[in-house]
Amino acid sequence: MQPAYFYYRIITDVCHDLRCEAIPVHACWNAQIMEKGMQYSELVQDNVLYPSERGHTLFAEAIIRRLESMRRE
């Protein structure tokens, strides 16, 4: 988990430097896996490098939620 944390920290830092939004979709994936008892393999294609249709849906839902919250701010 340490390499993943380091990777996400770099992304967050870069977004901060560029003054852009970082949406933590990895947290949404983790929540789905923990809360709904899903398997990581359900969210990625067979090669495990790319999201499956369900994985892409989670990405989209995270982005939509963030955009909606920005609209309310």
PDB file of N, CA and C in Angstrom:
ATOM      1  N   MET A   1       0.825  -1.199   0.000  1.00  0.00           N
ATOM      2  CA  MET A   1       0.000   0.000   0.000  1.00  0.00           C
ATOM      3  C   MET A   1       0.863   1.253   0.000  1.00  0.00           C
ATOM      4  N   GLN A   2       2.063   1.146   0.526  1.00  0.00           N
ATOM      5  CA  GLN A   2       2.955   2.299   0.576  1.00  0.00           C
ATOM      6  C   GLN A   2       3.229   2.879  -0.815  1.00  0.00           C
ATOM      7  N   PRO A   3       3.552   2.077  -1.835  1.00  0.00           N
ATOM      8  CA  PRO A   3       3.771   2.664  -3.163  1.00  0.00           C
ATOM      9  C   PRO A   3       2.526   3.376  -3.691  1.00  0.00           C
ATOM     10  N   ALA A   4       1.347   2.829  -3.429  1.00  0.00           N
ATOM     11  CA  ALA A   4       0.113   3.475  -3.888  1.00  0.00           C
ATOM     12  C   ALA A   4      -0.069   4.813  -3.186  1.00  0.00           C
ATOM     13  N   TYR A   5       0.178   4.863  -1.885  1.00  0.00           N
ATOM     14  CA  TYR A   5       0.054   6.119  -1.151  1.00  0.00           C
ATOM     15  C   TYR A   5       1.016   7.160  -1.724  1.00  0.00           C
ATOM     16  N   PHE A   6       2.242   6.752  -1.990  1.00  0.00           N
ATOM     17  CA  PHE A   6       3.245   7.653  -2.550  1.00  0.00           C
ATOM     18  C   PHE A   6       2.781   8.190  -3.908  1.00  0.00           C
ATOM     19  N   TYR A   7       2.250   7.311  -4.740  1.00  0.00           N
ATOM     20  CA  TYR A   7       1.750   7.691  -6.063  1.00  0.00           C
ATOM     21  C   TYR A   7       0.619   8.716  -5.942  1.00  0.00           C
ATOM     22  N   TYR A   8      -0.358   8.454  -5.084  1.00  0.00           N
ATOM     23  CA  TYR A   8      -1.484   9.376  -4.925  1.00  0.00           C
ATOM     24  C   TYR A   8      -1.041  10.697  -4.318  1.00  0.00           C
ATOM     25  N   ARG A   9      -0.053  10.646  -3.466  1.00  0.00           N
ATOM     26  CA  ARG A   9       0.470  11.877  -2.871  1.00  0.00           C
ATOM     27  C   ARG A   9       1.126  12.747  -3.947  1.00  0.00           C
ATOM     28  N   ILE A  10       1.854  12.142  -4.851  1.00  0.00           N
ATOM     29  CA  ILE A  10       2.472  12.896  -5.945  1.00  0.00           C
ATOM     30  C   ILE A  10       1.394  13.546  -6.805  1.00  0.00           C
ATOM     31  N   ILE A  11       0.355  12.799  -7.130  1.00  0.00           N
ATOM     32  CA  ILE A  11      -0.744  13.356  -7.939  1.00  0.00           C
ATOM     33  C   ILE A  11      -1.383  14.540  -7.225  1.00  0.00           C
ATOM     34  N   THR A  12      -1.625  14.394  -5.935  1.00  0.00           N
ATOM     35  CA  THR A  12      -2.223  15.483  -5.154  1.00  0.00           C
ATOM     36  C   THR A  12      -1.326  16.711  -5.157  1.00  0.00           C
ATOM     37  N   ASP A  13      -0.037  16.509  -4.972  1.00  0.00           N
ATOM     38  CA  ASP A  13       0.914  17.629  -4.971  1.00  0.00           C
ATOM     39  C   ASP A  13       0.954  18.334  -6.321  1.00  0.00           C
ATOM     40  N   VAL A  14       0.969  17.571  -7.388  1.00  0.00           N
ATOM     41  CA  VAL A  14       0.997  18.164  -8.736  1.00  0.00           C
ATOM     42  C   VAL A  14      -0.284  18.966  -8.980  1.00  0.00           C
ATOM     43  N   CYS A  15      -1.413  18.405  -8.601  1.00  0.00           N
ATOM     44  CA  CYS A  15      -2.679  19.124  -8.774  1.00  0.00           C
ATOM     45  C   CYS A  15      -2.679  20.424  -7.974  1.00  0.00           C
ATOM     46  N   HIS A  16      -2.144  20.364  -6.770  1.00  0.00           N
ATOM     47  CA  HIS A  16      -2.049  21.575  -5.956  1.00  0.00           C
ATOM     48  C   HIS A  16      -1.171  22.616  -6.650  1.00  0.00           C
ATOM     49  N   ASP A  17      -0.015  22.182  -7.149  1.00  0.00           N
ATOM     50  CA  ASP A  17       0.895  23.107  -7.842  1.00  0.00           C
ATOM     51  C   ASP A  17       0.254  23.714  -9.082  1.00  0.00           C
ATOM     52  N   LEU A  18      -0.549  22.921  -9.788  1.00  0.00           N
ATOM     53  CA  LEU A  18      -1.191  23.405 -11.018  1.00  0.00           C
ATOM     54  C   LEU A  18      -2.538  24.070 -10.749  1.00  0.00           C
ATOM     55  N   ARG A  19      -2.919  24.096  -9.487  1.00  0.00           N
ATOM     56  CA  ARG A  19      -4.195  24.688  -9.069  1.00  0.00           C
ATOM     57  C   ARG A  19      -5.378  24.045  -9.795  1.00  0.00           C
ATOM     58  N   CYS A  20      -5.368  22.727  -9.789  1.00  0.00           N
ATOM     59  CA  CYS A  20      -6.478  21.994 -10.399  1.00  0.00           C
ATOM     60  C   CYS A  20      -7.029  20.985  -9.395  1.00  0.00           C
ATOM     61  N   GLU A  21      -8.175  20.484  -9.691  1.00  0.00           N
ATOM     62  CA  GLU A  21      -8.880  19.564  -8.798  1.00  0.00           C
ATOM     63  C   GLU A  21      -8.350  18.143  -8.944  1.00  0.00           C
ATOM     64  N   ALA A  22      -8.171  17.484  -7.834  1.00  0.00           N
ATOM     65  CA  ALA A  22      -7.829  16.064  -7.825  1.00  0.00           C
ATOM     66  C   ALA A  22      -9.014  15.330  -7.208  1.00  0.00           C
ATOM     67  N   ILE A  23      -9.636  14.463  -7.956  1.00  0.00           N
ATOM     68  CA  ILE A  23     -10.768  13.700  -7.455  1.00  0.00           C
ATOM     69  C   ILE A  23     -10.245  12.323  -7.067  1.00  0.00           C
ATOM     70  N   PRO A  24     -10.327  11.970  -5.800  1.00  0.00           N
ATOM     71  CA  PRO A  24      -9.743  10.713  -5.317  1.00  0.00           C
ATOM     72  C   PRO A  24     -10.605   9.495  -5.666  1.00  0.00           C
ATOM     73  N   VAL A  25     -10.614   9.143  -6.942  1.00  0.00           N
ATOM     74  CA  VAL A  25     -11.450   8.016  -7.365  1.00  0.00           C
ATOM     75  C   VAL A  25     -10.985   6.707  -6.733  1.00  0.00           C
ATOM     76  N   HIS A  26      -9.716   6.624  -6.366  1.00  0.00           N
ATOM     77  CA  HIS A  26      -9.243   5.406  -5.706  1.00  0.00           C
ATOM     78  C   HIS A  26      -9.979   5.190  -4.384  1.00  0.00           C
ATOM     79  N   ALA A  27     -10.357   6.268  -3.715  1.00  0.00           N
ATOM     80  CA  ALA A  27     -11.118   6.147  -2.471  1.00  0.00           C
ATOM     81  C   ALA A  27     -12.516   5.590  -2.749  1.00  0.00           C
ATOM     82  N   CYS A  28     -13.102   5.981  -3.864  1.00  0.00           N
ATOM     83  CA  CYS A  28     -14.413   5.446  -4.245  1.00  0.00           C
ATOM     84  C   CYS A  28     -14.312   3.955  -4.537  1.00  0.00           C
ATOM     85  N   TRP A  29     -13.248   3.559  -5.223  1.00  0.00           N
ATOM     86  CA  TRP A  29     -13.038   2.131  -5.493  1.00  0.00           C
ATOM     87  C   TRP A  29     -12.907   1.366  -4.179  1.00  0.00           C
ATOM     88  N   ASN A  30     -12.083   1.890  -3.268  1.00  0.00           N
ATOM     89  CA  ASN A  30     -11.884   1.214  -1.988  1.00  0.00           C
ATOM     90  C   ASN A  30     -13.195   1.102  -1.219  1.00  0.00           C
ATOM     91  N   ALA A  31     -14.003   2.160  -1.258  1.00  0.00           N
ATOM     92  CA  ALA A  31     -15.292   2.136  -0.558  1.00  0.00           C
ATOM     93  C   ALA A  31     -16.199   1.053  -1.132  1.00  0.00           C
ATOM     94  N   GLN A  32     -16.243   0.944  -2.456  1.00  0.00           N
ATOM     95  CA  GLN A  32     -17.073  -0.082  -3.085  1.00  0.00           C
ATOM     96  C   GLN A  32     -16.603  -1.479  -2.702  1.00  0.00           C
ATOM     97  N   ILE A  33     -15.318  -1.657  -2.698  1.00  0.00           N
ATOM     98  CA  ILE A  33     -14.751  -2.965  -2.359  1.00  0.00           C
ATOM     99  C   ILE A  33     -15.074  -3.314  -0.904  1.00  0.00           C
ATOM    100  N   MET A  34     -14.914  -2.345  -0.003  1.00  0.00           N
ATOM    101  CA  MET A  34     -15.148  -2.598   1.418  1.00  0.00           C
ATOM    102  C   MET A  34     -16.638  -2.691   1.751  1.00  0.00           C
ATOM    103  N   GLU A  35     -17.427  -1.735   1.268  1.00  0.00           N
ATOM    104  CA  GLU A  35     -18.830  -1.659   1.656  1.00  0.00           C
ATOM    105  C   GLU A  35     -19.703  -2.724   0.993  1.00  0.00           C
ATOM    106  N   LYS A  36     -19.410  -3.025  -0.258  1.00  0.00           N
ATOM    107  CA  LYS A  36     -20.268  -3.942  -1.001  1.00  0.00           C
ATOM    108  C   LYS A  36     -19.650  -5.323  -1.192  1.00  0.00           C
ATOM    109  N   GLY A  37     -18.483  -5.510  -0.627  1.00  0.00           N
ATOM    110  CA  GLY A  37     -17.837  -6.810  -0.727  1.00  0.00           C
ATOM    111  C   GLY A  37     -17.434  -7.169  -2.150  1.00  0.00           C
ATOM    112  N   MET A  38     -17.171  -6.153  -2.960  1.00  0.00           N
ATOM    113  CA  MET A  38     -16.748  -6.404  -4.335  1.00  0.00           C
ATOM    114  C   MET A  38     -15.298  -6.865  -4.351  1.00  0.00           C
ATOM    115  N   GLN A  39     -14.908  -7.432  -5.449  1.00  0.00           N
ATOM    116  CA  GLN A  39     -13.527  -7.821  -5.674  1.00  0.00           C
ATOM    117  C   GLN A  39     -12.884  -6.815  -6.633  1.00  0.00           C
ATOM    118  N   TYR A  40     -11.605  -6.577  -6.458  1.00  0.00           N
ATOM    119  CA  TYR A  40     -10.880  -5.675  -7.354  1.00  0.00           C
ATOM    120  C   TYR A  40     -11.035  -6.128  -8.798  1.00  0.00           C
ATOM    121  N   SER A  41     -11.044  -7.426  -9.003  1.00  0.00           N
ATOM    122  CA  SER A  41     -11.151  -7.973 -10.358  1.00  0.00           C
ATOM    123  C   SER A  41     -12.463  -7.597 -11.045  1.00  0.00           C
ATOM    124  N   GLU A  42     -13.480  -7.222 -10.282  1.00  0.00           N
ATOM    125  CA  GLU A  42     -14.757  -6.787 -10.866  1.00  0.00           C
ATOM    126  C   GLU A  42     -14.661  -5.382 -11.448  1.00  0.00           C
ATOM    127  N   LEU A  43     -13.635  -4.654 -11.064  1.00  0.00           N
ATOM    128  CA  LEU A  43     -13.504  -3.263 -11.485  1.00  0.00           C
ATOM    129  C   LEU A  43     -12.476  -3.051 -12.595  1.00  0.00           C
ATOM    130  N   VAL A  44     -11.751  -4.111 -12.936  1.00  0.00           N
ATOM    131  CA  VAL A  44     -10.730  -3.993 -13.977  1.00  0.00           C
ATOM    132  C   VAL A  44     -10.923  -5.075 -15.038  1.00  0.00           C
ATOM    133  N   GLN A  45     -10.335  -4.805 -16.199  1.00  0.00           N
ATOM    134  CA  GLN A  45     -10.368  -5.795 -17.272  1.00  0.00           C
ATOM    135  C   GLN A  45      -9.415  -6.943 -16.929  1.00  0.00           C
ATOM    136  N   ASP A  46      -9.445  -7.977 -17.732  1.00  0.00           N
ATOM    137  CA  ASP A  46      -8.622  -9.161 -17.467  1.00  0.00           C
ATOM    138  C   ASP A  46      -7.141  -8.844 -17.319  1.00  0.00           C
ATOM    139  N   ASN A  47      -6.649  -7.823 -18.034  1.00  0.00           N
ATOM    140  CA  ASN A  47      -5.233  -7.483 -17.953  1.00  0.00           C
ATOM    141  C   ASN A  47      -4.906  -6.662 -16.702  1.00  0.00           C
ATOM    142  N   VAL A  48      -5.894  -6.336 -15.889  1.00  0.00           N
ATOM    143  CA  VAL A  48      -5.836  -5.563 -14.642  1.00  0.00           C
ATOM    144  C   VAL A  48      -5.247  -4.162 -14.779  1.00  0.00           C
ATOM    145  N   LEU A  49      -4.950  -3.733 -15.979  1.00  0.00           N
ATOM    146  CA  LEU A  49      -4.394  -2.397 -16.173  1.00  0.00           C
ATOM    147  C   LEU A  49      -5.471  -1.346 -16.421  1.00  0.00           C
ATOM    148  N   TYR A  50      -6.596  -1.771 -16.957  1.00  0.00           N
ATOM    149  CA  TYR A  50      -7.626  -0.819 -17.362  1.00  0.00           C
ATOM    150  C   TYR A  50      -8.943  -1.143 -16.666  1.00  0.00           C
ATOM    151  N   PRO A  51      -9.711  -0.098 -16.350  1.00  0.00           N
ATOM    152  CA  PRO A  51     -10.993  -0.336 -15.690  1.00  0.00           C
ATOM    153  C   PRO A  51     -11.961  -1.097 -16.597  1.00  0.00           C
ATOM    154  N   SER A  52     -12.799  -1.889 -15.957  1.00  0.00           N
ATOM    155  CA  SER A  52     -13.894  -2.551 -16.663  1.00  0.00           C
ATOM    156  C   SER A  52     -15.034  -1.537 -16.800  1.00  0.00           C
ATOM    157  N   GLU A  53     -16.135  -1.971 -17.347  1.00  0.00           N
ATOM    158  CA  GLU A  53     -17.292  -1.076 -17.458  1.00  0.00           C
ATOM    159  C   GLU A  53     -17.710  -0.595 -16.066  1.00  0.00           C
ATOM    160  N   ARG A  54     -17.731  -1.494 -15.096  1.00  0.00           N
ATOM    161  CA  ARG A  54     -18.081  -1.112 -13.721  1.00  0.00           C
ATOM    162  C   ARG A  54     -17.054  -0.152 -13.133  1.00  0.00           C
ATOM    163  N   GLY A  55     -15.793  -0.366 -13.430  1.00  0.00           N
ATOM    164  CA  GLY A  55     -14.749   0.543 -12.959  1.00  0.00           C
ATOM    165  C   GLY A  55     -14.907   1.934 -13.549  1.00  0.00           C
ATOM    166  N   HIS A  56     -15.204   1.997 -14.837  1.00  0.00           N
ATOM    167  CA  HIS A  56     -15.437   3.292 -15.475  1.00  0.00           C
ATOM    168  C   HIS A  56     -16.666   3.979 -14.888  1.00  0.00           C
ATOM    169  N   THR A  57     -17.674   3.195 -14.551  1.00  0.00           N
ATOM    170  CA  THR A  57     -18.878   3.756 -13.932  1.00  0.00           C
ATOM    171  C   THR A  57     -18.525   4.405 -12.599  1.00  0.00           C
ATOM    172  N   LEU A  58     -17.668   3.762 -11.816  1.00  0.00           N
ATOM    173  CA  LEU A  58     -17.261   4.338 -10.536  1.00  0.00           C
ATOM    174  C   LEU A  58     -16.478   5.636 -10.736  1.00  0.00           C
ATOM    175  N   PHE A  59     -15.604   5.663 -11.738  1.00  0.00           N
ATOM    176  CA  PHE A  59     -14.894   6.899 -12.060  1.00  0.00           C
ATOM    177  C   PHE A  59     -15.892   8.011 -12.360  1.00  0.00           C
ATOM    178  N   ALA A  60     -16.851   7.721 -13.240  1.00  0.00           N
ATOM    179  CA  ALA A  60     -17.835   8.723 -13.644  1.00  0.00           C
ATOM    180  C   ALA A  60     -18.661   9.196 -12.453  1.00  0.00           C
ATOM    181  N   GLU A  61     -19.085   8.273 -11.599  1.00  0.00           N
ATOM    182  CA  GLU A  61     -19.885   8.650 -10.433  1.00  0.00           C
ATOM    183  C   GLU A  61     -19.100   9.571  -9.498  1.00  0.00           C
ATOM    184  N   ALA A  62     -17.826   9.300  -9.304  1.00  0.00           N
ATOM    185  CA  ALA A  62     -16.993  10.145  -8.444  1.00  0.00           C
ATOM    186  C   ALA A  62     -16.866  11.547  -9.029  1.00  0.00           C
ATOM    187  N   ILE A  63     -16.663  11.627 -10.324  1.00  0.00           N
ATOM    188  CA  ILE A  63     -16.528  12.934 -10.979  1.00  0.00           C
ATOM    189  C   ILE A  63     -17.845  13.696 -10.924  1.00  0.00           C
ATOM    190  N   ILE A  64     -18.936  13.018 -11.184  1.00  0.00           N
ATOM    191  CA  ILE A  64     -20.251  13.667 -11.139  1.00  0.00           C
ATOM    192  C   ILE A  64     -20.539  14.200  -9.737  1.00  0.00           C
ATOM    193  N   ARG A  65     -20.274  13.386  -8.705  1.00  0.00           N
ATOM    194  CA  ARG A  65     -20.507  13.848  -7.331  1.00  0.00           C
ATOM    195  C   ARG A  65     -19.695  15.100  -7.022  1.00  0.00           C
ATOM    196  N   ARG A  66     -18.433  15.115  -7.467  1.00  0.00           N
ATOM    197  CA  ARG A  66     -17.591  16.290  -7.200  1.00  0.00           C
ATOM    198  C   ARG A  66     -18.105  17.506  -7.952  1.00  0.00           C
ATOM    199  N   LEU A  67     -18.487  17.339  -9.209  1.00  0.00           N
ATOM    200  CA  LEU A  67     -19.020  18.475  -9.970  1.00  0.00           C
ATOM    201  C   LEU A  67     -20.302  19.018  -9.346  1.00  0.00           C
ATOM    202  N   GLU A  68     -21.153  18.126  -8.884  1.00  0.00           N
ATOM    203  CA  GLU A  68     -22.392  18.562  -8.233  1.00  0.00           C
ATOM    204  C   GLU A  68     -22.098  19.309  -6.941  1.00  0.00           C
ATOM    205  N   SER A  69     -21.129  18.847  -6.179  1.00  0.00           N
ATOM    206  CA  SER A  69     -20.792  19.550  -4.930  1.00  0.00           C
ATOM    207  C   SER A  69     -20.174  20.912  -5.230  1.00  0.00           C
ATOM    208  N   MET A  70     -19.411  21.029  -6.311  1.00  0.00           N
ATOM    209  CA  MET A  70     -18.836  22.313  -6.697  1.00  0.00           C
ATOM    210  C   MET A  70     -19.939  23.291  -7.098  1.00  0.00           C
ATOM    211  N   ARG A  71     -20.970  22.783  -7.722  1.00  0.00           N
ATOM    212  CA  ARG A  71     -22.080  23.641  -8.147  1.00  0.00           C
ATOM    213  C   ARG A  71     -22.789  24.219  -6.921  1.00  0.00           C
ATOM    214  N   ARG A  72     -22.867  23.451  -5.837  1.00  0.00           N
ATOM    215  CA  ARG A  72     -23.539  23.905  -4.616  1.00  0.00           C
ATOM    216  C   ARG A  72     -22.675  24.859  -3.800  1.00  0.00           C
ATOM    217  N   GLU A  73     -21.371  24.838  -4.015  1.00  0.00           N
ATOM    218  CA  GLU A  73     -20.443  25.688  -3.219  1.00  0.00           C
ATOM    219  C   GLU A  73     -20.577  27.143  -3.578  1.00  0.00           C
TER     220      GLU A  73
END
